[in-house]
Amino acid sequence: MIGRVLQQHTPEGGVAARWGGEEFIVFTPGSEDDAAHLAETIRAAVAATPWNDLRVTVSIGVSGWEADEAMQHAFLRADDAMYAAKAAGRNRVMQAGPHQRTTGTAGPARPPHGEITGPEHAAAHERRHGE
């Protein structure tokens, strides 16, 4: 069901894939604001899609990827933003980093765990998520 919604909304030039059991990744060309708008569209589409008698929602973290940075750093920022979206009440989109914004259901939003870069970020991520 979520895969179908991702297929319907991922723009040309973008890639959607399953990442682990219940996580998905979407890479798209364009700005971080474009990605945040797409994420909100996907969040709303999943919430509006009937799935038997269940109500399915998603929490989405968004991060830009600068040409001169390792993709891992952008991925970890998006992952932190996703966990912050879950902590803020779920069923919402949270943008990572200095442009962080939350959309979706109302409720208090907390920023991700700070902007950490380099190996320190990966180590902090591993401590938080037990990986």
Protein backbone atom coordinates (compact mmCIF):
# COMPACT_ATOMS: atom_id res chain seq x y z
CA MET A 1 0.00 0.00 0.00
CA ILE A 2 2.69 2.52 0.94
CA GLY A 3 4.79 1.39 -2.01
CA ARG A 4 1.89 2.16 -4.35
CA VAL A 5 1.49 5.66 -2.88
CA LEU A 6 5.23 6.28 -3.28
CA GLN A 7 5.10 5.13 -6.92
CA GLN A 8 2.18 7.45 -7.63
CA HIS A 9 3.87 10.51 -6.15
CA THR A 10 7.61 10.11 -6.82
CA PRO A 11 8.46 12.51 -9.65
CA GLU A 12 10.35 11.58 -12.78
CA GLY A 13 14.04 11.40 -11.97
CA GLY A 14 13.28 10.34 -8.38
CA VAL A 15 13.76 6.94 -6.80
CA ALA A 16 11.62 5.33 -4.10
CA ALA A 17 12.77 2.20 -2.27
CA ARG A 18 12.12 0.18 0.85
CA TRP A 19 14.82 0.68 3.47
CA GLY A 20 14.51 -2.03 6.09
CA GLY A 21 11.25 -3.43 7.38
CA GLU A 22 8.97 -0.42 7.75
CA GLU A 23 11.10 2.40 6.39
CA PHE A 24 11.23 3.84 2.89
CA ILE A 25 13.56 6.29 1.16
CA VAL A 26 12.74 8.71 -1.63
CA PHE A 27 15.55 10.51 -3.47
CA THR A 28 14.40 13.34 -5.72
CA PRO A 29 16.07 16.10 -7.67
CA GLY A 30 15.22 19.63 -6.60
CA SER A 31 15.40 21.72 -3.47
CA GLU A 32 14.91 20.64 0.11
CA ASP A 33 11.69 22.68 0.14
CA ASP A 34 10.49 20.70 -2.92
CA ALA A 35 11.28 17.49 -1.03
CA ALA A 36 9.40 18.69 2.05
CA HIS A 37 6.36 19.52 -0.10
CA LEU A 38 6.52 16.07 -1.72
CA ALA A 39 6.85 14.46 1.71
CA GLU A 40 3.72 16.26 2.92
CA THR A 41 1.86 15.11 -0.21
CA ILE A 42 2.93 11.52 0.47
CA ARG A 43 2.04 11.78 4.17
CA ALA A 44 -1.46 13.04 3.37
CA ALA A 45 -1.96 10.43 0.62
CA VAL A 46 -1.00 7.56 2.93
CA ALA A 47 -3.31 8.86 5.68
CA ALA A 48 -6.18 9.14 3.17
CA THR A 49 -5.72 5.68 1.65
CA PRO A 50 -8.05 3.04 3.10
CA TRP A 51 -6.38 -0.18 4.13
CA ASN A 52 -8.95 -2.67 5.38
CA ASP A 53 -10.09 -1.42 8.79
CA LEU A 54 -6.72 0.05 9.73
CA ARG A 55 -5.66 3.69 9.77
CA VAL A 56 -2.10 3.89 8.44
CA THR A 57 0.03 7.00 8.86
CA VAL A 58 3.68 7.83 8.29
CA SER A 59 6.28 10.02 9.94
CA ILE A 60 8.73 11.50 7.45
CA GLY A 61 12.13 13.12 7.86
CA VAL A 62 13.46 15.36 5.07
CA SER A 63 17.02 16.45 4.43
CA GLY A 64 18.84 18.12 1.58
CA TRP A 65 22.06 16.69 0.21
CA GLU A 66 24.81 19.10 -0.72
CA ALA A 67 27.12 18.12 -3.58
CA ASP A 68 30.23 18.41 -1.39
CA GLU A 69 29.00 16.24 1.50
CA ALA A 70 28.88 12.50 2.04
CA MET A 71 25.41 11.13 1.36
CA GLN A 72 25.55 9.39 4.75
CA HIS A 73 25.37 12.78 6.52
CA ALA A 74 22.21 13.80 4.66
CA PHE A 75 20.70 10.39 5.32
CA LEU A 76 21.44 10.59 9.05
CA ARG A 77 19.91 14.08 9.28
CA ALA A 78 16.75 12.79 7.56
CA ASP A 79 16.69 9.80 9.91
CA ASP A 80 17.02 12.08 12.96
CA ALA A 81 14.20 14.26 11.61
CA MET A 82 12.02 11.18 11.14
CA TYR A 83 12.58 10.12 14.76
CA ALA A 84 11.82 13.70 15.86
CA ALA A 85 8.56 13.55 13.87
CA LYS A 86 7.65 10.35 15.69
CA ALA A 87 8.53 11.89 19.05
CA ALA A 88 6.42 14.96 18.22
CA GLY A 89 3.28 12.86 17.81
CA ARG A 90 3.66 10.92 14.53
CA ASN A 91 1.83 11.43 11.23
CA ARG A 92 3.91 14.45 10.30
CA VAL A 93 6.82 15.66 8.20
CA MET A 94 9.88 17.19 9.82
CA GLN A 95 12.61 18.93 7.88
CA ALA A 96 16.13 18.47 9.26
CA GLY A 97 18.73 21.08 9.96
CA PRO A 98 18.50 24.85 10.07
CA HIS A 99 15.36 24.96 7.89
CA GLN A 100 13.47 22.52 10.09
CA ARG A 101 9.69 22.75 9.78
CA THR A 102 6.90 20.42 10.77
CA THR A 103 3.70 19.74 8.84
CA GLY A 104 0.89 17.31 9.35
CA THR A 105 -1.17 16.81 12.44
CA ALA A 106 -0.99 19.51 15.08
CA GLY A 107 1.11 19.01 18.16
CA PRO A 108 4.35 20.15 19.72
CA ALA A 109 7.39 19.62 17.57
CA ARG A 110 10.86 19.01 18.89
CA PRO A 111 13.96 19.49 16.81
CA PRO A 112 16.10 16.49 15.96
CA HIS A 113 18.99 15.72 18.25
CA GLY A 114 21.06 18.69 17.14
CA GLU A 115 23.10 19.29 14.09
CA ILE A 116 26.10 17.01 14.48
CA THR A 117 28.39 16.37 11.56
CA GLY A 118 31.03 13.85 10.68
CA PRO A 119 31.83 10.71 12.67
CA GLU A 120 30.30 12.24 15.82
CA HIS A 121 26.90 12.27 14.09
CA ALA A 122 27.08 8.62 13.13
CA ALA A 123 28.15 7.65 16.68
CA ALA A 124 25.34 9.71 18.25
CA HIS A 125 22.87 8.16 15.82
CA GLU A 126 24.03 4.65 16.75
CA ARG A 127 23.69 5.39 20.47
CA ARG A 128 20.13 6.72 20.04
CA HIS A 129 18.87 3.96 17.81
CA GLY A 130 20.82 0.96 19.11
CA GLU A 131 22.50 0.12 15.83
